[in-house]
Each structure stands twice: as structure tokens, then as C-alpha cells.
Amino acid sequence: MFSDLKIGIIGGGQLGAMLIRYAIDYGLDVSVLDNDPKAPCSRYSRSFHVGDPMSFDDVVNFGKDLDVVTIEKEAVDVAALKALRDKGVKVYPSPETLEIIQDKYLQKSHLKKHNIPVAMGWLVMDKEQLSLHTEKLPGILKKCTQGYDGKGVLMLQTAEDIASAFDGPYVLEELVDIHQEISVIVSRNESGVIECYDPVHMVFDKERMLLDFQICPADLDQDTAMKVCAIAKRVAEAVELTGIMAVEMFIARNGKIYVNELAPRPHNSGHHTIEAAKTSQFEQQIRLILELPMGSAQTTFPSVMLNILEPAAQKKKAVMDALKTILCTNDIHLHWYGKTGGKEGRKMGHITITDTDRKEAIAKSIMIKHILKEGHA
């Protein structure tokens, strides 16, 4: 049905690889662009191109003979995507949507303009200017662009912490007294039809500032669950999304809800949907770029998803032995990304635990985290 369509994915990491898994079900011919010749997608696409997603020429040369282009990372040259669209290539999400979201200050300003609740934030250009804002500390410092997986995020407690800050420009964000961190995966088609997956509760590694594990469904009362989904839908409309997007939110101890960050692509917080939803986030993205009806976002099983990080070199065998032990348990689903030359602390895979009972899924996850911790010890 779609064998003549030429699909391109910009970014060759694990998200692209999982997209390819579902593209195969639709018989798609998928090309990939990434600057790493050994990126995970390189082993799954016969049309893997080495090039810089932030290079205008590389992106245009990659996409000019394709029918549809999508992304698995935000760091892509927007001008090139606009040029491809002008040549008749369909681009999802739109370059304008990506442009808003690429810059965290622009993203925050756009959401405020649409009356979507966000934490207060101030644009700061460099360390010298940052030193003039010490009255706003403690706060969270975020690189305006190209921050990911905890990189480009720093907690500033006092003025002394400014010396260790990365280069700007940044957003200095007020510190929210967080009760829960929530993510809602939302999908929207070109006609404006929106589907929301159930909210998930995210728990972050405070040292590395990246997602440690998540629970779905989140432990929210019905009213709060409806509110966060309504906000996710408003965000999708505000950025004129076509595709999949993660809307990360804070629920403060006083009950207020704030949108934290957006990712206009499949997201770590949606990995559980592979085993625990009627339609995975990756299949949903494929359906959207093919202009097919969206699949159901209904949760089929309660789940817990754990990220697996690259251990220290001397601990690799112990961690692999731990994974073998873990796989003896029922309803454990391992996803290994096939990355090469991983640095310690880098995401190398994930485990999803499903169960008919949410408490049982959580109990299994505690056991698994203990086994993995022993492997790292």
C-alpha cells in the first residue's frame, strides 16, 4: 500500500530505530540521516546517510528526493526543513512548530502568550549577566538550545554555583516546589483531531537530571488527570502540532500545574506504550505522517518503565548478568538500543514491566532496580 513512499527520519538514535520497527509493519522504505556512522539506525536502514542534521546542505541533500520527512531529535536545521517543504516534501512536525520548541525561552514565551501555565523564567545571555540575577536564586538554569538527557540543566543554589555554569544563552527558571513530575504524550493530525495517552509519573535521577523510571498511569485523581490532559491538548493546538509530542509538566505541592518542557517527537516518557497501550507512540507517529487515522491511545496494562544506563567498564559483565536474572521474571520487556562506545551514564536501553495490577508492577520494578543496583555496585 505504501511501498512507493520514501520516508526520511532525521536522527539515527534509538527513537529512530523504534520508529523503523513500526515502519516495517507498513512496508515503508525508510532513509535515515545522522552524523554518527554507528548510530543505532545504521543497522536497520539500507539507506543510512552520514551527515549533520544541523547543516542546511546535508538536510536538503538528504530529503530532496523523499516524500515525507520526520524527526527523532530537535536539533535539526529549520531553514532546511522549510526548503524541503517548498520543494514539495511533507515535513512532520512543521518547521514552525520545531522552531518554537527548539529554543526553551521562545517555547516558554509562546506558551505564556497562549495563556498556558509555565514557571517564571528570565533570558540570560552569559555568566556575567547571570551574576546580576542572584536575587532570583535558588533556580534552575537551562541552555536555550540543544540541551537533552539532563545535559544543559543545572541547579543553582547560590551565587557560588554560577562559576560552574555552562555557556549561555540560558533561561533562569524559578524553582517550583514539585509534588509530581508528569508527562502526557499527545498526538494531533492535520485536521486538528487530538488523542492523549494516560499521564505518566516521572521520577528523575537528581544527579544526572535524566529520567530514571516512570509509572503509568500516574497516581492522580480524576480531576487532575483531566486537567493535565486538557493542558496537553491546548499546547498541541498552540504550537499547531502535526505528529507526536511529549508535554512534561510539574504538579506543585499547592496543586498548581506548570508546563515544563515540550518534545515534538516520540519521547522517553512514552516508551511504555510499546507494551502497555493499544497503539504505541511510534506507530502513532507513523500513522500521522502517512495521514492515516490515529490509533487508540488507551492503556492496556499498568506499567513501569526503567532506563538502563551504561555502567563503568569494569561493571559491564555484572550488569549483563543482572539483566539475564531480570528476564527470568514474567512480563518483563527488555529494549537494548545497540549503541556502540557508550559513555558511563548514557542511556543504553530500557525495561518495561507490565501487570494487570499497578501495585504489582511497581513491586516488580523495585525488585528489578535492586538487581540492577547490585550489578552496578
Foldseek 3Di string as FASTA:
>chain_A
DCQPAEEEEEDQALQVVVLLVLVVVVNYQYEYEEQDCQHLCVVVHPHYHHDHQQDLVVLLVVQQPGQEYEYAALNHNLVSQVVSVVSNHHYAPHSQLSVCAQFQVSVVVLCVVLVQFAFDKDWAQFLVSVLVVQVQPQWWKAARHDADQLRRIDGDHGNVCSVVHDGHGIITGHDFQFPWKKKWKKAAALVGDIAIAAIKTFDADVVSRGTFKIWPNDPDDPVVRVVVVVSVSSSCVSSVHHAIKMFMWTQGPVRDIHTYHMDNGDDPSQPLCVPFAPAGSSNQRVCRRVVHDGDHSYTRFIKMKGFDWDADPVLVVLLVVLVVVLVVDPQKDWFATSDPPHDGGHGGTMIMHTDNDRVVNVVSVVVSVVSNVVSRD
